[in-house]
Amino acid sequence: GKEREGVAVIDSNGNTNYAAPVRGRFTISHDNSQNTLYLQM
């Protein structure tokens, strides 16, 4: 019943951004060697 919302993003330079409700609790990361995106919550 709710719209899709951004949580956390990262770019190919390693810059990150977080939505206010999750900032400080969630961490986004990317492993280039395994082409894998992670979200630690």
PDB file of all heavy atoms in Angstrom:
ATOM      1  N   GLY A   1       0.772  -1.223   0.000  1.00  0.00           N
ATOM      2  CA  GLY A   1       0.000   0.000   0.000  1.00  0.00           C
ATOM      3  C   GLY A   1       0.806   1.277   0.000  1.00  0.00           C
ATOM      4  O   GLY A   1       0.215   2.363   0.056  1.00  0.00           O
ATOM      5  N   LYS A   2       2.126   1.185  -0.061  1.00  0.00           N
ATOM      6  CA  LYS A   2       2.978   2.360  -0.040  1.00  0.00           C
ATOM      7  C   LYS A   2       3.839   2.417  -1.300  1.00  0.00           C
ATOM      8  O   LYS A   2       4.038   1.416  -1.984  1.00  0.00           O
ATOM      9  CB  LYS A   2       3.874   2.359   1.199  1.00  0.00           C
ATOM     10  CG  LYS A   2       3.119   2.333   2.512  1.00  0.00           C
ATOM     11  CD  LYS A   2       4.050   2.447   3.702  1.00  0.00           C
ATOM     12  CE  LYS A   2       4.684   3.827   3.769  1.00  0.00           C
ATOM     13  NZ  LYS A   2       5.539   3.982   4.984  1.00  0.00           N
ATOM     14  N   GLU A   3       4.344   3.596  -1.606  1.00  0.00           N
ATOM     15  CA  GLU A   3       5.208   3.774  -2.761  1.00  0.00           C
ATOM     16  C   GLU A   3       6.604   3.255  -2.469  1.00  0.00           C
ATOM     17  O   GLU A   3       7.050   3.208  -1.321  1.00  0.00           O
ATOM     18  CB  GLU A   3       5.272   5.248  -3.158  1.00  0.00           C
ATOM     19  CG  GLU A   3       3.953   5.799  -3.678  1.00  0.00           C
ATOM     20  CD  GLU A   3       4.090   7.202  -4.233  1.00  0.00           C
ATOM     21  OE1 GLU A   3       5.180   7.801  -4.111  1.00  0.00           O
ATOM     22  OE2 GLU A   3       3.108   7.698  -4.795  1.00  0.00           O
ATOM     23  N   ARG A   4       7.291   2.876  -3.537  1.00  0.00           N
ATOM     24  CA  ARG A   4       8.677   2.447  -3.432  1.00  0.00           C
ATOM     25  C   ARG A   4       9.553   3.627  -3.011  1.00  0.00           C
ATOM     26  O   ARG A   4       9.395   4.740  -3.520  1.00  0.00           O
ATOM     27  CB  ARG A   4       9.132   1.890  -4.778  1.00  0.00           C
ATOM     28  CG  ARG A   4      10.532   1.327  -4.820  1.00  0.00           C
ATOM     29  CD  ARG A   4      10.760   0.615  -6.146  1.00  0.00           C
ATOM     30  NE  ARG A   4      10.260   1.412  -7.265  1.00  0.00           N
ATOM     31  CZ  ARG A   4      10.249   1.019  -8.524  1.00  0.00           C
ATOM     32  NH1 ARG A   4      10.700  -0.180  -8.858  1.00  0.00           N
ATOM     33  NH2 ARG A   4       9.768   1.810  -9.473  1.00  0.00           N
ATOM     34  N   GLU A   5      10.485   3.391  -2.099  1.00  0.00           N
ATOM     35  CA  GLU A   5      11.350   4.450  -1.619  1.00  0.00           C
ATOM     36  C   GLU A   5      12.809   4.002  -1.598  1.00  0.00           C
ATOM     37  O   GLU A   5      13.116   2.833  -1.357  1.00  0.00           O
ATOM     38  CB  GLU A   5      10.931   4.899  -0.217  1.00  0.00           C
ATOM     39  CG  GLU A   5      11.048   3.827   0.845  1.00  0.00           C
ATOM     40  CD  GLU A   5      10.659   4.318   2.228  1.00  0.00           C
ATOM     41  OE1 GLU A   5      10.285   5.502   2.374  1.00  0.00           O
ATOM     42  OE2 GLU A   5      10.722   3.512   3.178  1.00  0.00           O
ATOM     43  N   GLY A   6      13.684   4.955  -1.841  1.00  0.00           N
ATOM     44  CA  GLY A   6      15.101   4.676  -1.767  1.00  0.00           C
ATOM     45  C   GLY A   6      15.549   4.496  -0.334  1.00  0.00           C
ATOM     46  O   GLY A   6      15.079   5.188   0.571  1.00  0.00           O
ATOM     47  N   VAL A   7      16.468   3.575  -0.127  1.00  0.00           N
ATOM     48  CA  VAL A   7      17.009   3.275   1.192  1.00  0.00           C
ATOM     49  C   VAL A   7      18.471   3.708   1.286  1.00  0.00           C
ATOM     50  O   VAL A   7      18.850   4.464   2.177  1.00  0.00           O
ATOM     51  CB  VAL A   7      16.879   1.777   1.517  1.00  0.00           C
ATOM     52  CG1 VAL A   7      17.541   1.447   2.850  1.00  0.00           C
ATOM     53  CG2 VAL A   7      15.412   1.364   1.526  1.00  0.00           C
ATOM     54  N   ALA A   8      19.286   3.216   0.371  1.00  0.00           N
ATOM     55  CA  ALA A   8      20.715   3.514   0.374  1.00  0.00           C
ATOM     56  C   ALA A   8      21.257   3.305  -1.024  1.00  0.00           C
ATOM     57  O   ALA A   8      20.827   2.392  -1.724  1.00  0.00           O
ATOM     58  CB  ALA A   8      21.461   2.620   1.370  1.00  0.00           C
ATOM     59  N   VAL A   9      22.201   4.139  -1.424  1.00  0.00           N
ATOM     60  CA  VAL A   9      22.776   4.048  -2.761  1.00  0.00           C
ATOM     61  C   VAL A   9      24.286   4.231  -2.692  1.00  0.00           C
ATOM     62  O   VAL A   9      24.813   4.832  -1.752  1.00  0.00           O
ATOM     63  CB  VAL A   9      22.165   5.085  -3.728  1.00  0.00           C
ATOM     64  CG1 VAL A   9      20.691   4.776  -3.967  1.00  0.00           C
ATOM     65  CG2 VAL A   9      22.336   6.503  -3.192  1.00  0.00           C
ATOM     66  N   ILE A  10      24.971   3.710  -3.708  1.00  0.00           N
ATOM     67  CA  ILE A  10      26.416   3.830  -3.826  1.00  0.00           C
ATOM     68  C   ILE A  10      26.757   3.963  -5.302  1.00  0.00           C
ATOM     69  O   ILE A  10      26.067   3.402  -6.159  1.00  0.00           O
ATOM     70  CB  ILE A  10      27.125   2.611  -3.188  1.00  0.00           C
ATOM     71  CG1 ILE A  10      28.632   2.813  -3.122  1.00  0.00           C
ATOM     72  CG2 ILE A  10      26.778   1.329  -3.933  1.00  0.00           C
ATOM     73  CD1 ILE A  10      29.339   1.765  -2.252  1.00  0.00           C
ATOM     74  N   ASP A  11      27.812   4.719  -5.619  1.00  0.00           N
ATOM     75  CA  ASP A  11      28.232   4.827  -7.004  1.00  0.00           C
ATOM     76  C   ASP A  11      29.588   4.168  -7.215  1.00  0.00           C
ATOM     77  O   ASP A  11      30.220   3.678  -6.274  1.00  0.00           O
ATOM     78  CB  ASP A  11      28.196   6.283  -7.497  1.00  0.00           C
ATOM     79  CG  ASP A  11      29.237   7.191  -6.851  1.00  0.00           C
ATOM     80  OD1 ASP A  11      30.294   6.704  -6.394  1.00  0.00           O
ATOM     81  OD2 ASP A  11      29.001   8.420  -6.820  1.00  0.00           O
ATOM     82  N   SER A  12      30.029   4.151  -8.464  1.00  0.00           N
ATOM     83  CA  SER A  12      31.255   3.438  -8.805  1.00  0.00           C
ATOM     84  C   SER A  12      32.509   4.107  -8.261  1.00  0.00           C
ATOM     85  O   SER A  12      33.595   3.508  -8.345  1.00  0.00           O
ATOM     86  CB  SER A  12      31.365   3.247 -10.313  1.00  0.00           C
ATOM     87  OG  SER A  12      31.108   4.452 -11.008  1.00  0.00           O
ATOM     88  N   ASN A  13      32.380   5.310  -7.728  1.00  0.00           N
ATOM     89  CA  ASN A  13      33.482   5.961  -7.036  1.00  0.00           C
ATOM     90  C   ASN A  13      33.464   5.708  -5.529  1.00  0.00           C
ATOM     91  O   ASN A  13      34.352   6.182  -4.817  1.00  0.00           O
ATOM     92  CB  ASN A  13      33.463   7.465  -7.293  1.00  0.00           C
ATOM     93  CG  ASN A  13      33.759   7.814  -8.735  1.00  0.00           C
ATOM     94  OD1 ASN A  13      34.588   7.168  -9.380  1.00  0.00           O
ATOM     95  ND2 ASN A  13      33.085   8.828  -9.252  1.00  0.00           N
ATOM     96  N   GLY A  14      32.444   4.999  -5.051  1.00  0.00           N
ATOM     97  CA  GLY A  14      32.352   4.695  -3.637  1.00  0.00           C
ATOM     98  C   GLY A  14      31.560   5.685  -2.811  1.00  0.00           C
ATOM     99  O   GLY A  14      31.478   5.533  -1.584  1.00  0.00           O
ATOM    100  N   ASN A  15      30.970   6.684  -3.442  1.00  0.00           N
ATOM    101  CA  ASN A  15      30.142   7.634  -2.712  1.00  0.00           C
ATOM    102  C   ASN A  15      28.816   7.000  -2.323  1.00  0.00           C
ATOM    103  O   ASN A  15      28.212   6.282  -3.120  1.00  0.00           O
ATOM    104  CB  ASN A  15      29.881   8.875  -3.564  1.00  0.00           C
ATOM    105  CG  ASN A  15      31.155   9.578  -3.960  1.00  0.00           C
ATOM    106  OD1 ASN A  15      31.954   9.947  -3.103  1.00  0.00           O
ATOM    107  ND2 ASN A  15      31.356   9.764  -5.255  1.00  0.00           N
ATOM    108  N   THR A  16      28.360   7.269  -1.118  1.00  0.00           N
ATOM    109  CA  THR A  16      27.118   6.691  -0.612  1.00  0.00           C
ATOM    110  C   THR A  16      26.148   7.772  -0.186  1.00  0.00           C
ATOM    111  O   THR A  16      26.525   8.912   0.084  1.00  0.00           O
ATOM    112  CB  THR A  16      27.380   5.764   0.581  1.00  0.00           C
ATOM    113  OG1 THR A  16      28.002   6.509   1.640  1.00  0.00           O
ATOM    114  CG2 THR A  16      28.295   4.611   0.185  1.00  0.00           C
ATOM    115  N   ASN A  17      24.871   7.388  -0.129  1.00  0.00           N
ATOM    116  CA  ASN A  17      23.837   8.250   0.397  1.00  0.00           C
ATOM    117  C   ASN A  17      22.773   7.369   1.026  1.00  0.00           C
ATOM    118  O   ASN A  17      22.514   6.269   0.547  1.00  0.00           O
ATOM    119  CB  ASN A  17      23.227   9.127  -0.705  1.00  0.00           C
ATOM    120  CG  ASN A  17      22.339  10.218  -0.155  1.00  0.00           C
ATOM    121  OD1 ASN A  17      22.541  10.695   0.959  1.00  0.00           O
ATOM    122  ND2 ASN A  17      21.343  10.634  -0.926  1.00  0.00           N
ATOM    123  N   TYR A  18      22.174   7.865   2.107  1.00  0.00           N
ATOM    124  CA  TYR A  18      21.181   7.102   2.847  1.00  0.00           C
ATOM    125  C   TYR A  18      19.933   7.926   3.080  1.00  0.00           C
ATOM    126  O   TYR A  18      20.005   9.140   3.305  1.00  0.00           O
ATOM    127  CB  TYR A  18      21.729   6.677   4.210  1.00  0.00           C
ATOM    128  CG  TYR A  18      22.913   5.759   4.136  1.00  0.00           C
ATOM    129  CD1 TYR A  18      24.205   6.262   4.069  1.00  0.00           C
ATOM    130  CD2 TYR A  18      22.740   4.378   4.137  1.00  0.00           C
ATOM    131  CE1 TYR A  18      25.295   5.415   3.999  1.00  0.00           C
ATOM    132  CE2 TYR A  18      23.828   3.526   4.072  1.00  0.00           C
ATOM    133  CZ  TYR A  18      25.104   4.050   4.005  1.00  0.00           C
ATOM    134  OH  TYR A  18      26.182   3.202   3.937  1.00  0.00           O
ATOM    135  N   ALA A  19      18.806   7.250   3.055  1.00  0.00           N
ATOM    136  CA  ALA A  19      17.571   7.888   3.466  1.00  0.00           C
ATOM    137  C   ALA A  19      17.617   8.154   4.961  1.00  0.00           C
ATOM    138  O   ALA A  19      18.170   7.363   5.740  1.00  0.00           O
ATOM    139  CB  ALA A  19      16.379   7.004   3.120  1.00  0.00           C
ATOM    140  N   ALA A  20      17.025   9.253   5.385  1.00  0.00           N
ATOM    141  CA  ALA A  20      17.088   9.644   6.786  1.00  0.00           C
ATOM    142  C   ALA A  20      16.629   8.556   7.759  1.00  0.00           C
ATOM    143  O   ALA A  20      17.257   8.379   8.816  1.00  0.00           O
ATOM    144  CB  ALA A  20      16.285  10.934   6.997  1.00  0.00           C
ATOM    145  N   PRO A  21      15.552   7.806   7.455  1.00  0.00           N
ATOM    146  CA  PRO A  21      15.102   6.815   8.441  1.00  0.00           C
ATOM    147  C   PRO A  21      16.091   5.686   8.721  1.00  0.00           C
ATOM    148  O   PRO A  21      15.965   5.015   9.752  1.00  0.00           O
ATOM    149  CB  PRO A  21      13.818   6.254   7.813  1.00  0.00           C
ATOM    150  CG  PRO A  21      13.351   7.326   6.890  1.00  0.00           C
ATOM    151  CD  PRO A  21      14.605   7.925   6.338  1.00  0.00           C
ATOM    152  N   VAL A  22      17.059   5.463   7.829  1.00  0.00           N
ATOM    153  CA  VAL A  22      17.991   4.357   8.021  1.00  0.00           C
ATOM    154  C   VAL A  22      19.413   4.815   8.289  1.00  0.00           C
ATOM    155  O   VAL A  22      20.269   3.982   8.623  1.00  0.00           O
ATOM    156  CB  VAL A  22      17.979   3.390   6.817  1.00  0.00           C
ATOM    157  CG1 VAL A  22      16.558   2.975   6.480  1.00  0.00           C
ATOM    158  CG2 VAL A  22      18.665   4.010   5.602  1.00  0.00           C
ATOM    159  N   ARG A  23      19.678   6.084   8.160  1.00  0.00           N
ATOM    160  CA  ARG A  23      21.037   6.589   8.358  1.00  0.00           C
ATOM    161  C   ARG A  23      21.505   6.292   9.782  1.00  0.00           C
ATOM    162  O   ARG A  23      20.787   6.547  10.749  1.00  0.00           O
ATOM    163  CB  ARG A  23      21.097   8.085   8.063  1.00  0.00           C
ATOM    164  CG  ARG A  23      22.508   8.654   8.077  1.00  0.00           C
ATOM    165  CD  ARG A  23      22.551  10.086   7.541  1.00  0.00           C
ATOM    166  NE  ARG A  23      22.307  10.131   6.101  1.00  0.00           N
ATOM    167  CZ  ARG A  23      21.352  10.849   5.522  1.00  0.00           C
ATOM    168  NH1 ARG A  23      20.533  11.586   6.256  1.00  0.00           N
ATOM    169  NH2 ARG A  23      21.212  10.825   4.206  1.00  0.00           N
ATOM    170  N   GLY A  24      22.692   5.724   9.884  1.00  0.00           N
ATOM    171  CA  GLY A  24      23.231   5.342  11.169  1.00  0.00           C
ATOM    172  C   GLY A  24      22.923   3.922  11.565  1.00  0.00           C
ATOM    173  O   GLY A  24      23.542   3.395  12.501  1.00  0.00           O
ATOM    174  N   ARG A  25      21.967   3.287  10.892  1.00  0.00           N
ATOM    175  CA  ARG A  25      21.606   1.901  11.176  1.00  0.00           C
ATOM    176  C   ARG A  25      21.984   0.948  10.049  1.00  0.00           C
ATOM    177  O   ARG A  25      22.313  -0.206  10.300  1.00  0.00           O
ATOM    178  CB  ARG A  25      20.103   1.776  11.435  1.00  0.00           C
ATOM    179  CG  ARG A  25      19.615   2.580  12.628  1.00  0.00           C
ATOM    180  CD  ARG A  25      18.154   2.262  12.951  1.00  0.00           C
ATOM    181  NE  ARG A  25      17.252   2.643  11.864  1.00  0.00           N
ATOM    182  CZ  ARG A  25      16.450   1.795  11.218  1.00  0.00           C
ATOM    183  NH1 ARG A  25      16.417   0.516  11.558  1.00  0.00           N
ATOM    184  NH2 ARG A  25      15.657   2.236  10.249  1.00  0.00           N
ATOM    185  N   PHE A  26      21.917   1.429   8.803  1.00  0.00           N
ATOM    186  CA  PHE A  26      22.195   0.604   7.629  1.00  0.00           C
ATOM    187  C   PHE A  26      23.509   1.040   6.991  1.00  0.00           C
ATOM    188  O   PHE A  26      23.870   2.223   7.021  1.00  0.00           O
ATOM    189  CB  PHE A  26      21.093   0.743   6.582  1.00  0.00           C
ATOM    190  CG  PHE A  26      19.754   0.170   6.966  1.00  0.00           C
ATOM    191  CD1 PHE A  26      19.487  -0.299   8.235  1.00  0.00           C
ATOM    192  CD2 PHE A  26      18.748   0.114   6.009  1.00  0.00           C
ATOM    193  CE1 PHE A  26      18.246  -0.821   8.568  1.00  0.00           C
ATOM    194  CE2 PHE A  26      17.503  -0.405   6.328  1.00  0.00           C
ATOM    195  CZ  PHE A  26      17.246  -0.872   7.604  1.00  0.00           C
ATOM    196  N   THR A  27      24.202   0.084   6.370  1.00  0.00           N
ATOM    197  CA  THR A  27      25.429   0.375   5.645  1.00  0.00           C
ATOM    198  C   THR A  27      25.395  -0.312   4.291  1.00  0.00           C
ATOM    199  O   THR A  27      25.203  -1.530   4.214  1.00  0.00           O
ATOM    200  CB  THR A  27      26.671  -0.097   6.415  1.00  0.00           C
ATOM    201  OG1 THR A  27      26.707   0.528   7.703  1.00  0.00           O
ATOM    202  CG2 THR A  27      27.939   0.264   5.652  1.00  0.00           C
ATOM    203  N   ILE A  28      25.598   0.459   3.224  1.00  0.00           N
ATOM    204  CA  ILE A  28      25.661  -0.100   1.884  1.00  0.00           C
ATOM    205  C   ILE A  28      27.126  -0.245   1.478  1.00  0.00           C
ATOM    206  O   ILE A  28      27.959   0.602   1.800  1.00  0.00           O
ATOM    207  CB  ILE A  28      24.887   0.768   0.868  1.00  0.00           C
ATOM    208  CG1 ILE A  28      24.778   0.060  -0.485  1.00  0.00           C
ATOM    209  CG2 ILE A  28      25.515   2.148   0.724  1.00  0.00           C
ATOM    210  CD1 ILE A  28      23.821   0.745  -1.462  1.00  0.00           C
ATOM    211  N   SER A  29      27.439  -1.323   0.771  1.00  0.00           N
ATOM    212  CA  SER A  29      28.792  -1.547   0.294  1.00  0.00           C
ATOM    213  C   SER A  29      28.752  -2.353  -0.993  1.00  0.00           C
ATOM    214  O   SER A  29      27.737  -2.977  -1.325  1.00  0.00           O
ATOM    215  CB  SER A  29      29.647  -2.259   1.353  1.00  0.00           C
ATOM    216  OG  SER A  29      29.114  -3.533   1.661  1.00  0.00           O
ATOM    217  N   HIS A  30      29.858  -2.343  -1.719  1.00  0.00           N
ATOM    218  CA  HIS A  30      29.961  -3.071  -2.976  1.00  0.00           C
ATOM    219  C   HIS A  30      31.301  -3.759  -3.049  1.00  0.00           C
ATOM    220  O   HIS A  30      32.347  -3.140  -2.817  1.00  0.00           O
ATOM    221  CB  HIS A  30      29.792  -2.117  -4.164  1.00  0.00           C
ATOM    222  CG  HIS A  30      29.757  -2.813  -5.485  1.00  0.00           C
ATOM    223  ND1 HIS A  30      30.881  -2.974  -6.267  1.00  0.00           N
ATOM    224  CD2 HIS A  30      28.737  -3.389  -6.155  1.00  0.00           C
ATOM    225  CE1 HIS A  30      30.545  -3.634  -7.365  1.00  0.00           C
ATOM    226  NE2 HIS A  30      29.257  -3.893  -7.324  1.00  0.00           N
ATOM    227  N   ASP A  31      31.278  -5.040  -3.370  1.00  0.00           N
ATOM    228  CA  ASP A  31      32.485  -5.833  -3.540  1.00  0.00           C
ATOM    229  C   ASP A  31      32.749  -5.954  -5.033  1.00  0.00           C
ATOM    230  O   ASP A  31      32.062  -6.697  -5.737  1.00  0.00           O
ATOM    231  CB  ASP A  31      32.310  -7.207  -2.899  1.00  0.00           C
ATOM    232  CG  ASP A  31      33.572  -8.038  -2.946  1.00  0.00           C
ATOM    233  OD1 ASP A  31      34.434  -7.793  -3.813  1.00  0.00           O
ATOM    234  OD2 ASP A  31      33.697  -8.948  -2.107  1.00  0.00           O
ATOM    235  N   ASN A  32      33.732  -5.217  -5.518  1.00  0.00           N
ATOM    236  CA  ASN A  32      34.005  -5.207  -6.956  1.00  0.00           C
ATOM    237  C   ASN A  32      34.473  -6.564  -7.466  1.00  0.00           C
ATOM    238  O   ASN A  32      34.173  -6.940  -8.599  1.00  0.00           O
ATOM    239  CB  ASN A  32      35.051  -4.139  -7.284  1.00  0.00           C
ATOM    240  CG  ASN A  32      34.538  -2.733  -7.089  1.00  0.00           C
ATOM    241  OD1 ASN A  32      33.364  -2.451  -7.304  1.00  0.00           O
ATOM    242  ND2 ASN A  32      35.422  -1.832  -6.696  1.00  0.00           N
ATOM    243  N   SER A  33      35.189  -7.295  -6.648  1.00  0.00           N
ATOM    244  CA  SER A  33      35.732  -8.578  -7.095  1.00  0.00           C
ATOM    245  C   SER A  33      34.646  -9.620  -7.300  1.00  0.00           C
ATOM    246  O   SER A  33      34.827 -10.546  -8.093  1.00  0.00           O
ATOM    247  CB  SER A  33      36.777  -9.087  -6.105  1.00  0.00           C
ATOM    248  OG  SER A  33      36.187  -9.430  -4.867  1.00  0.00           O
ATOM    249  N   GLN A  34      33.534  -9.485  -6.594  1.00  0.00           N
ATOM    250  CA  GLN A  34      32.444 -10.446  -6.708  1.00  0.00           C
ATOM    251  C   GLN A  34      31.174  -9.854  -7.308  1.00  0.00           C
ATOM    252  O   GLN A  34      30.156 -10.552  -7.376  1.00  0.00           O
ATOM    253  CB  GLN A  34      32.130 -11.042  -5.332  1.00  0.00           C
ATOM    254  CG  GLN A  34      33.297 -11.793  -4.711  1.00  0.00           C
ATOM    255  CD  GLN A  34      32.897 -12.575  -3.486  1.00  0.00           C
ATOM    256  OE1 GLN A  34      31.898 -13.307  -3.501  1.00  0.00           O
ATOM    257  NE2 GLN A  34      33.670 -12.432  -2.425  1.00  0.00           N
ATOM    258  N   ASN A  35      31.236  -8.605  -7.743  1.00  0.00           N
ATOM    259  CA  ASN A  35      30.080  -7.932  -8.339  1.00  0.00           C
ATOM    260  C   ASN A  35      28.843  -8.060  -7.458  1.00  0.00           C
ATOM    261  O   ASN A  35      27.749  -8.362  -7.938  1.00  0.00           O
ATOM    262  CB  ASN A  35      29.790  -8.483  -9.734  1.00  0.00           C
ATOM    263  CG  ASN A  35      30.918  -8.229 -10.703  1.00  0.00           C
ATOM    264  OD1 ASN A  35      31.503  -7.144 -10.716  1.00  0.00           O
ATOM    265  ND2 ASN A  35      31.225  -9.218 -11.530  1.00  0.00           N
ATOM    266  N   THR A  36      29.026  -7.808  -6.181  1.00  0.00           N
ATOM    267  CA  THR A  36      27.961  -7.999  -5.216  1.00  0.00           C
ATOM    268  C   THR A  36      27.727  -6.739  -4.398  1.00  0.00           C
ATOM    269  O   THR A  36      28.673  -6.157  -3.861  1.00  0.00           O
ATOM    270  CB  THR A  36      28.268  -9.170  -4.279  1.00  0.00           C
ATOM    271  OG1 THR A  36      28.475 -10.354  -5.059  1.00  0.00           O
ATOM    272  CG2 THR A  36      27.128  -9.407  -3.313  1.00  0.00           C
ATOM    273  N   LEU A  37      26.478  -6.354  -4.311  1.00  0.00           N
ATOM    274  CA  LEU A  37      26.034  -5.236  -3.496  1.00  0.00           C
ATOM    275  C   LEU A  37      25.486  -5.778  -2.183  1.00  0.00           C
ATOM    276  O   LEU A  37      24.768  -6.778  -2.172  1.00  0.00           O
ATOM    277  CB  LEU A  37      24.948  -4.459  -4.234  1.00  0.00           C
ATOM    278  CG  LEU A  37      24.395  -3.203  -3.570  1.00  0.00           C
ATOM    279  CD1 LEU A  37      25.420  -2.078  -3.644  1.00  0.00           C
ATOM    280  CD2 LEU A  37      23.088  -2.784  -4.236  1.00  0.00           C
ATOM    281  N   TYR A  38      25.803  -5.101  -1.086  1.00  0.00           N
ATOM    282  CA  TYR A  38      25.348  -5.528   0.231  1.00  0.00           C
ATOM    283  C   TYR A  38      24.598  -4.409   0.935  1.00  0.00           C
ATOM    284  O   TYR A  38      24.850  -3.226   0.707  1.00  0.00           O
ATOM    285  CB  TYR A  38      26.525  -5.926   1.115  1.00  0.00           C
ATOM    286  CG  TYR A  38      27.325  -7.096   0.601  1.00  0.00           C
ATOM    287  CD1 TYR A  38      28.485  -6.894  -0.125  1.00  0.00           C
ATOM    288  CD2 TYR A  38      26.914  -8.398   0.846  1.00  0.00           C
ATOM    289  CE1 TYR A  38      29.226  -7.968  -0.594  1.00  0.00           C
ATOM    290  CE2 TYR A  38      27.644  -9.472   0.381  1.00  0.00           C
ATOM    291  CZ  TYR A  38      28.797  -9.254  -0.333  1.00  0.00           C
ATOM    292  OH  TYR A  38      29.524 -10.323  -0.795  1.00  0.00           O
ATOM    293  N   LEU A  39      23.702  -4.806   1.810  1.00  0.00           N
ATOM    294  CA  LEU A  39      23.075  -3.874   2.733  1.00  0.00           C
ATOM    295  C   LEU A  39      23.096  -4.504   4.116  1.00  0.00           C
ATOM    296  O   LEU A  39      22.372  -5.474   4.368  1.00  0.00           O
ATOM    297  CB  LEU A  39      21.643  -3.537   2.323  1.00  0.00           C
ATOM    298  CG  LEU A  39      20.953  -2.465   3.168  1.00  0.00           C
ATOM    299  CD1 LEU A  39      21.614  -1.106   2.954  1.00  0.00           C
ATOM    300  CD2 LEU A  39      19.463  -2.386   2.845  1.00  0.00           C
ATOM    301  N   GLN A  40      23.938  -3.973   4.988  1.00  0.00           N
ATOM    302  CA  GLN A  40      23.978  -4.409   6.371  1.00  0.00           C
ATOM    303  C   GLN A  40      22.955  -3.591   7.150  1.00  0.00           C
ATOM    304  O   GLN A  40      23.063  -2.364   7.209  1.00  0.00           O
ATOM    305  CB  GLN A  40      25.377  -4.213   6.951  1.00  0.00           C
ATOM    306  CG  GLN A  40      25.493  -4.531   8.436  1.00  0.00           C
ATOM    307  CD  GLN A  40      25.242  -5.990   8.747  1.00  0.00           C
ATOM    308  OE1 GLN A  40      25.842  -6.867   8.119  1.00  0.00           O
ATOM    309  NE2 GLN A  40      24.348  -6.274   9.678  1.00  0.00           N
ATOM    310  N   MET A  41      21.988  -4.267   7.739  1.00  0.00           N
ATOM    311  CA  MET A  41      20.903  -3.616   8.452  1.00  0.00           C
ATOM    312  C   MET A  41      21.002  -3.985   9.923  1.00  0.00           C
ATOM    313  O   MET A  41      20.902  -5.163  10.281  1.00  0.00           O
ATOM    314  CB  MET A  41      19.549  -4.029   7.885  1.00  0.00           C
ATOM    315  CG  MET A  41      19.407  -3.771   6.391  1.00  0.00           C
ATOM    316  SD  MET A  41      17.738  -4.133   5.777  1.00  0.00           S
ATOM    317  CE  MET A  41      17.713  -5.913   6.014  1.00  0.00           C
TER     318      MET A  41
END
